[in-house]
C-alpha atoms as a PDB file:
ATOM      1  CA  MET A   1      45.378   2.901   2.121  1.00  0.00           C
ATOM      2  CA  GLN A   2      42.208   0.782   2.253  1.00  0.00           C
ATOM      3  CA  ILE A   3      38.929   1.347   4.012  1.00  0.00           C
ATOM      4  CA  GLU A   4      36.158  -1.142   4.501  1.00  0.00           C
ATOM      5  CA  PRO A   5      32.674  -0.280   3.272  1.00  0.00           C
ATOM      6  CA  GLN A   6      30.488   0.794   6.190  1.00  0.00           C
ATOM      7  CA  LEU A   7      27.179   0.568   4.381  1.00  0.00           C
ATOM      8  CA  ARG A   8      25.185  -2.596   5.046  1.00  0.00           C
ATOM      9  CA  PHE A   9      21.980  -4.008   3.599  1.00  0.00           C
ATOM     10  CA  PRO A  10      20.159  -7.167   4.721  1.00  0.00           C
ATOM     11  CA  PRO A  11      21.320 -10.253   2.753  1.00  0.00           C
ATOM     12  CA  GLU A  12      17.797 -11.036   1.507  1.00  0.00           C
ATOM     13  CA  LEU A  13      17.502  -7.490   0.099  1.00  0.00           C
ATOM     14  CA  LEU A  14      20.855  -7.812  -1.670  1.00  0.00           C
ATOM     15  CA  LEU A  15      19.743 -11.114  -3.182  1.00  0.00           C
ATOM     16  CA  ARG A  16      16.521  -9.540  -4.418  1.00  0.00           C
ATOM     17  CA  ALA A  17      18.476  -6.612  -5.897  1.00  0.00           C
ATOM     18  CA  GLN A  18      20.673  -9.051  -7.823  1.00  0.00           C
ATOM     19  CA  GLY A  19      17.664 -10.083  -9.857  1.00  0.00           C
ATOM     20  CA  THR A  20      17.225 -13.502 -11.377  1.00  0.00           C
ATOM     21  CA  GLY A  21      20.917 -14.230 -11.724  1.00  0.00           C
ATOM     22  CA  LEU A  22      21.328 -11.985 -14.758  1.00  0.00           C
ATOM     23  CA  GLY A  23      22.044  -8.970 -12.561  1.00  0.00           C
ATOM     24  CA  MET A  24      20.633  -5.500 -13.034  1.00  0.00           C
ATOM     25  CA  LYS A  25      21.648  -3.898 -16.323  1.00  0.00           C
ATOM     26  CA  ALA A  26      19.640  -0.658 -15.998  1.00  0.00           C
ATOM     27  CA  ALA A  27      17.859   1.444 -13.389  1.00  0.00           C
ATOM     28  CA  VAL A  28      14.988   3.802 -14.188  1.00  0.00           C
ATOM     29  CA  PHE A  29      14.603   6.975 -12.118  1.00  0.00           C
ATOM     30  CA  ASP A  30      11.581   9.243 -11.937  1.00  0.00           C
ATOM     31  CA  VAL A  31      12.461  12.889 -11.229  1.00  0.00           C
ATOM     32  CA  ASP A  32       9.740  14.705  -9.245  1.00  0.00           C
ATOM     33  CA  GLY A  33       9.473  12.990  -5.870  1.00  0.00           C
ATOM     34  CA  VAL A  34      12.556  10.808  -6.465  1.00  0.00           C
ATOM     35  CA  LEU A  35      15.450  13.016  -7.586  1.00  0.00           C
ATOM     36  CA  THR A  36      13.652  16.014  -6.067  1.00  0.00           C
ATOM     37  CA  ASP A  37      11.444  16.313  -2.994  1.00  0.00           C
ATOM     38  CA  GLY A  38       8.396  16.492  -5.252  1.00  0.00           C
ATOM     39  CA  ARG A  39       7.607  20.144  -4.621  1.00  0.00           C
ATOM     40  CA  LEU A  40       7.225  22.300  -7.719  1.00  0.00           C
ATOM     41  CA  TYR A  41       8.519  25.864  -7.564  1.00  0.00           C
ATOM     42  CA  ILE A  42       7.082  27.913 -10.426  1.00  0.00           C
ATOM     43  CA  ALA A  43       7.850  31.592 -10.824  1.00  0.00           C
ATOM     44  CA  GLU A  44       5.240  34.050 -12.083  1.00  0.00           C
ATOM     45  CA  SER A  45       7.088  33.998 -15.418  1.00  0.00           C
ATOM     46  CA  GLY A  46       6.609  30.217 -15.584  1.00  0.00           C
ATOM     47  CA  GLU A  47      10.236  29.359 -14.836  1.00  0.00           C
ATOM     48  CA  GLN A  48      10.529  26.170 -12.777  1.00  0.00           C
ATOM     49  CA  PHE A  49      13.001  25.660  -9.964  1.00  0.00           C
ATOM     50  CA  LYS A  50      13.969  22.263  -8.585  1.00  0.00           C
ATOM     51  CA  ALA A  51      16.388  21.201  -5.870  1.00  0.00           C
ATOM     52  CA  PHE A  52      18.524  18.116  -6.462  1.00  0.00           C
ATOM     53  CA  HIS A  53      20.655  16.344  -3.860  1.00  0.00           C
ATOM     54  CA  SER A  54      24.337  16.002  -4.728  1.00  0.00           C
ATOM     55  CA  LEU A  55      24.459  12.521  -3.158  1.00  0.00           C
ATOM     56  CA  ASP A  56      21.851  11.311  -5.641  1.00  0.00           C
ATOM     57  CA  GLY A  57      23.789  12.805  -8.540  1.00  0.00           C
ATOM     58  CA  HIS A  58      27.035  11.154  -7.559  1.00  0.00           C
ATOM     59  CA  GLY A  59      25.160   7.883  -7.041  1.00  0.00           C
ATOM     60  CA  LEU A  60      23.891   8.026 -10.641  1.00  0.00           C
ATOM     61  CA  LYS A  61      27.452   8.555 -11.895  1.00  0.00           C
ATOM     62  CA  LEU A  62      28.700   5.657  -9.750  1.00  0.00           C
ATOM     63  CA  LEU A  63      25.919   3.432 -11.054  1.00  0.00           C
ATOM     64  CA  ALA A  64      27.076   4.022 -14.622  1.00  0.00           C
ATOM     65  CA  GLN A  65      30.693   3.376 -13.613  1.00  0.00           C
ATOM     66  CA  GLY A  66      29.531   0.129 -12.027  1.00  0.00           C
ATOM     67  CA  GLY A  67      27.992  -1.079 -15.290  1.00  0.00           C
ATOM     68  CA  ILE A  68      24.322  -0.335 -14.535  1.00  0.00           C
ATOM     69  CA  LEU A  69      22.778   2.134 -16.979  1.00  0.00           C
ATOM     70  CA  PRO A  70      20.809   4.996 -15.357  1.00  0.00           C
ATOM     71  CA  ILE A  71      17.686   5.926 -17.322  1.00  0.00           C
ATOM     72  CA  ILE A  72      15.706   9.058 -16.453  1.00  0.00           C
ATOM     73  CA  CYS A  73      11.979   8.955 -17.226  1.00  0.00           C
ATOM     74  CA  THR A  74       9.919  11.925 -16.090  1.00  0.00           C
ATOM     75  CA  GLY A  75       6.420  13.137 -16.757  1.00  0.00           C
ATOM     76  CA  ARG A  76       7.545  16.760 -16.743  1.00  0.00           C
ATOM     77  CA  ASP A  77       9.987  18.605 -18.921  1.00  0.00           C
ATOM     78  CA  SER A  78      11.923  21.608 -17.687  1.00  0.00           C
ATOM     79  CA  PRO A  79      15.227  23.337 -18.352  1.00  0.00           C
ATOM     80  CA  ALA A  80      16.250  22.594 -14.752  1.00  0.00           C
ATOM     81  CA  VAL A  81      15.882  18.829 -15.209  1.00  0.00           C
ATOM     82  CA  ARG A  82      17.582  18.864 -18.597  1.00  0.00           C
ATOM     83  CA  ARG A  83      20.474  20.852 -17.116  1.00  0.00           C
ATOM     84  CA  ARG A  84      20.881  18.435 -14.199  1.00  0.00           C
ATOM     85  CA  VAL A  85      20.840  15.392 -16.502  1.00  0.00           C
ATOM     86  CA  ALA A  86      23.393  17.034 -18.806  1.00  0.00           C
ATOM     87  CA  ASP A  87      25.623  18.025 -15.866  1.00  0.00           C
ATOM     88  CA  LEU A  88      25.643  14.387 -14.735  1.00  0.00           C
ATOM     89  CA  GLY A  89      26.526  13.193 -18.232  1.00  0.00           C
ATOM     90  CA  LEU A  90      23.518  10.878 -18.452  1.00  0.00           C
ATOM     91  CA  SER A  91      22.770   9.824 -22.010  1.00  0.00           C
ATOM     92  CA  HIS A  92      19.414   8.072 -21.541  1.00  0.00           C
ATOM     93  CA  ALA A  93      16.681  10.507 -20.520  1.00  0.00           C
ATOM     94  CA  HIS A  94      13.047  10.884 -21.497  1.00  0.00           C
ATOM     95  CA  TYR A  95      11.167  14.116 -20.683  1.00  0.00           C
ATOM     96  CA  GLY A  96       7.485  15.034 -20.706  1.00  0.00           C
ATOM     97  CA  VAL A  97       6.481  11.376 -20.841  1.00  0.00           C
ATOM     98  CA  LYS A  98       2.770  10.596 -20.656  1.00  0.00           C
ATOM     99  CA  ASP A  99       3.043   6.800 -21.014  1.00  0.00           C
ATOM    100  CA  LYS A 100       6.110   5.742 -19.056  1.00  0.00           C
ATOM    101  CA  LEU A 101       5.593   2.057 -19.790  1.00  0.00           C
ATOM    102  CA  ALA A 102       5.631   2.551 -23.571  1.00  0.00           C
ATOM    103  CA  VAL A 103       8.741   4.759 -23.435  1.00  0.00           C
ATOM    104  CA  VAL A 104      10.735   2.541 -21.076  1.00  0.00           C
ATOM    105  CA  GLN A 105       9.677  -0.626 -22.896  1.00  0.00           C
ATOM    106  CA  ARG A 106      10.963   0.826 -26.154  1.00  0.00           C
ATOM    107  CA  ALA A 107      14.217   1.940 -24.479  1.00  0.00           C
ATOM    108  CA  ILE A 108      15.005  -1.416 -22.901  1.00  0.00           C
ATOM    109  CA  ASP A 109      14.050  -3.260 -26.100  1.00  0.00           C
ATOM    110  CA  GLU A 110      16.536  -1.095 -28.017  1.00  0.00           C
ATOM    111  CA  LEU A 111      19.189  -1.841 -25.373  1.00  0.00           C
ATOM    112  CA  GLY A 112      18.447  -5.584 -25.400  1.00  0.00           C
ATOM    113  CA  ILE A 113      17.492  -5.584 -21.720  1.00  0.00           C
ATOM    114  CA  ALA A 114      14.597  -7.531 -20.172  1.00  0.00           C
ATOM    115  CA  TRP A 115      12.434  -6.398 -17.235  1.00  0.00           C
ATOM    116  CA  PRO A 116      14.089  -8.811 -14.746  1.00  0.00           C
ATOM    117  CA  GLU A 117      17.335  -6.872 -15.413  1.00  0.00           C
ATOM    118  CA  VAL A 118      15.755  -3.477 -14.683  1.00  0.00           C
ATOM    119  CA  ALA A 119      15.448  -1.692 -11.333  1.00  0.00           C
ATOM    120  CA  VAL A 120      12.946   1.152 -10.983  1.00  0.00           C
ATOM    121  CA  ILE A 121      12.422   3.863  -8.388  1.00  0.00           C
ATOM    122  CA  GLY A 122       9.211   5.884  -8.459  1.00  0.00           C
ATOM    123  CA  ASP A 123       6.898   7.665  -6.068  1.00  0.00           C
ATOM    124  CA  ASP A 124       3.427   7.954  -7.607  1.00  0.00           C
ATOM    125  CA  TRP A 125       0.826   6.176  -9.723  1.00  0.00           C
ATOM    126  CA  PRO A 126       2.382   6.976 -13.141  1.00  0.00           C
ATOM    127  CA  ASP A 127       5.373   4.853 -12.017  1.00  0.00           C
ATOM    128  CA  LEU A 128       3.290   1.785 -11.089  1.00  0.00           C
ATOM    129  CA  PRO A 129       3.370   0.127 -14.556  1.00  0.00           C
ATOM    130  CA  LEU A 130       7.184   0.185 -14.358  1.00  0.00           C
ATOM    131  CA  LEU A 131       7.423  -0.897 -10.730  1.00  0.00           C
ATOM    132  CA  VAL A 132       5.224  -3.980 -11.156  1.00  0.00           C
ATOM    133  CA  ARG A 133       7.359  -5.203 -14.100  1.00  0.00           C
ATOM    134  CA  ALA A 134      10.792  -4.384 -12.678  1.00  0.00           C
ATOM    135  CA  GLY A 135      13.197  -7.005 -11.446  1.00  0.00           C
ATOM    136  CA  PHE A 136      13.710  -4.723  -8.449  1.00  0.00           C
ATOM    137  CA  ALA A 137      11.216  -1.999  -7.487  1.00  0.00           C
ATOM    138  CA  CYS A 138      12.019   0.756  -5.003  1.00  0.00           C
ATOM    139  CA  ALA A 139      10.087   3.695  -3.546  1.00  0.00           C
ATOM    140  CA  PRO A 140      11.221   6.703  -1.508  1.00  0.00           C
ATOM    141  CA  ALA A 141       9.967   6.963   2.072  1.00  0.00           C
ATOM    142  CA  ASN A 142       7.505   9.702   1.059  1.00  0.00           C
ATOM    143  CA  ALA A 143       6.007   7.801  -1.901  1.00  0.00           C
ATOM    144  CA  HIS A 144       2.275   7.224  -2.273  1.00  0.00           C
ATOM    145  CA  ALA A 145       0.927   4.215  -0.328  1.00  0.00           C
ATOM    146  CA  GLU A 146       0.093   2.235  -3.483  1.00  0.00           C
ATOM    147  CA  VAL A 147       3.638   2.681  -4.765  1.00  0.00           C
ATOM    148  CA  LYS A 148       5.126   1.565  -1.455  1.00  0.00           C
ATOM    149  CA  ALA A 149       2.927  -1.533  -1.583  1.00  0.00           C
ATOM    150  CA  ALA A 150       4.249  -2.404  -5.068  1.00  0.00           C
ATOM    151  CA  ALA A 151       7.904  -1.900  -4.104  1.00  0.00           C
ATOM    152  CA  HIS A 152      10.366  -4.608  -3.106  1.00  0.00           C
ATOM    153  CA  HIS A 153      12.139  -1.973  -1.002  1.00  0.00           C
ATOM    154  CA  VAL A 154      11.033   1.308   0.525  1.00  0.00           C
ATOM    155  CA  SER A 155      13.975   3.606   1.141  1.00  0.00           C
ATOM    156  CA  ALA A 156      14.627   4.966   4.604  1.00  0.00           C
ATOM    157  CA  LEU A 157      15.147   8.319   2.858  1.00  0.00           C
ATOM    158  CA  GLN A 158      12.753  10.650   1.079  1.00  0.00           C
ATOM    159  CA  GLY A 159      12.804  11.735  -2.528  1.00  0.00           C
ATOM    160  CA  GLY A 160      15.329  14.504  -3.104  1.00  0.00           C
ATOM    161  CA  GLU A 161      17.039  13.612   0.169  1.00  0.00           C
ATOM    162  CA  GLY A 162      19.110  10.573  -0.810  1.00  0.00           C
ATOM    163  CA  ALA A 163      16.551   7.898  -1.751  1.00  0.00           C
ATOM    164  CA  ALA A 164      18.000   7.591  -5.258  1.00  0.00           C
ATOM    165  CA  ARG A 165      21.518   7.271  -3.833  1.00  0.00           C
ATOM    166  CA  GLU A 166      20.326   4.520  -1.501  1.00  0.00           C
ATOM    167  CA  LEU A 167      19.063   2.574  -4.519  1.00  0.00           C
ATOM    168  CA  CYS A 168      22.328   3.184  -6.394  1.00  0.00           C
ATOM    169  CA  ASP A 169      24.387   1.966  -3.432  1.00  0.00           C
ATOM    170  CA  LEU A 170      22.147  -1.063  -2.973  1.00  0.00           C
ATOM    171  CA  LEU A 171      22.414  -2.052  -6.650  1.00  0.00           C
ATOM    172  CA  LEU A 172      26.179  -1.529  -6.670  1.00  0.00           C
ATOM    173  CA  MET A 173      26.583  -3.597  -3.525  1.00  0.00           C
ATOM    174  CA  ALA A 174      24.371  -6.369  -4.945  1.00  0.00           C
ATOM    175  CA  SER A 175      26.409  -6.386  -8.169  1.00  0.00           C
ATOM    176  CA  GLY A 176      29.736  -6.552  -6.329  1.00  0.00           C
ATOM    177  CA  ALA A 177      30.974  -3.206  -7.712  1.00  0.00           C
ATOM    178  CA  TYR A 178      30.523  -1.083  -4.568  1.00  0.00           C
ATOM    179  CA  ALA A 179      33.840  -1.859  -2.817  1.00  0.00           C
ATOM    180  CA  ARG A 180      35.833  -1.470  -6.055  1.00  0.00           C
ATOM    181  CA  LEU A 181      34.313   1.942  -6.713  1.00  0.00           C
ATOM    182  CA  LEU A 182      34.841   3.032  -3.108  1.00  0.00           C
ATOM    183  CA  HIS A 183      38.493   2.005  -3.170  1.00  0.00           C
ATOM    184  CA  GLY A 184      38.966   3.703  -6.535  1.00  0.00           C
ATOM    185  CA  HIS A 185      37.777   6.973  -5.011  1.00  0.00           C
ATOM    186  CA  LEU A 186      40.638   6.865  -2.504  1.00  0.00           C
ATOM    187  CA  THR A 187      43.044   7.797  -5.295  1.00  0.00           C
ATOM    188  CA  THR A 188      40.955   9.557  -7.959  1.00  0.00           C
ATOM    189  CA  LEU A 189      37.469  10.896  -8.557  1.00  0.00           C
ATOM    190  CA  ASP A 190      37.747   9.933 -12.216  1.00  0.00           C
ATOM    191  CA  ALA A 191      36.024   6.746 -13.377  1.00  0.00           C
ATOM    192  CA  ALA A 192      37.293   3.977 -11.124  1.00  0.00           C
END
């Protein structure tokens, strides 16, 4: 049984998401405002609660299966975020980061990846140094105005409500891996 992908992106956006011909090798994701809706729930005891969208999580797993490394880089550190990252099996995550540019620069240098091969999705000013260097920059619909202005693409969806999945799908489609992964899911949910 075969199904045809229903998701469509404008050709010029797909070309931009392909990068400079090298293709995207990694994608950096902020957490608060990207993988969550940006609201912080803090109990009197100090425990933090965050809501993550399952579509975003599966998108991150698909991205890795498609050969694009997901990298988490967040300014906050919490057990909830660490648990979510571990549950998704993501091996590249940086927590409590004050200088996102320094941390991501070091990470991509170690991986042998250049900025034109990196996509970034962020929602606020601490993400701007990454967005302006990225080969493909994305912002959720509810991102700050300055971030939207720096982005190559503003998602139709908000942070925590599928914006990260939209970026994952877009990158997979631009790389040519989307249809293969979709068809692989018709027989197994294991790595396609």
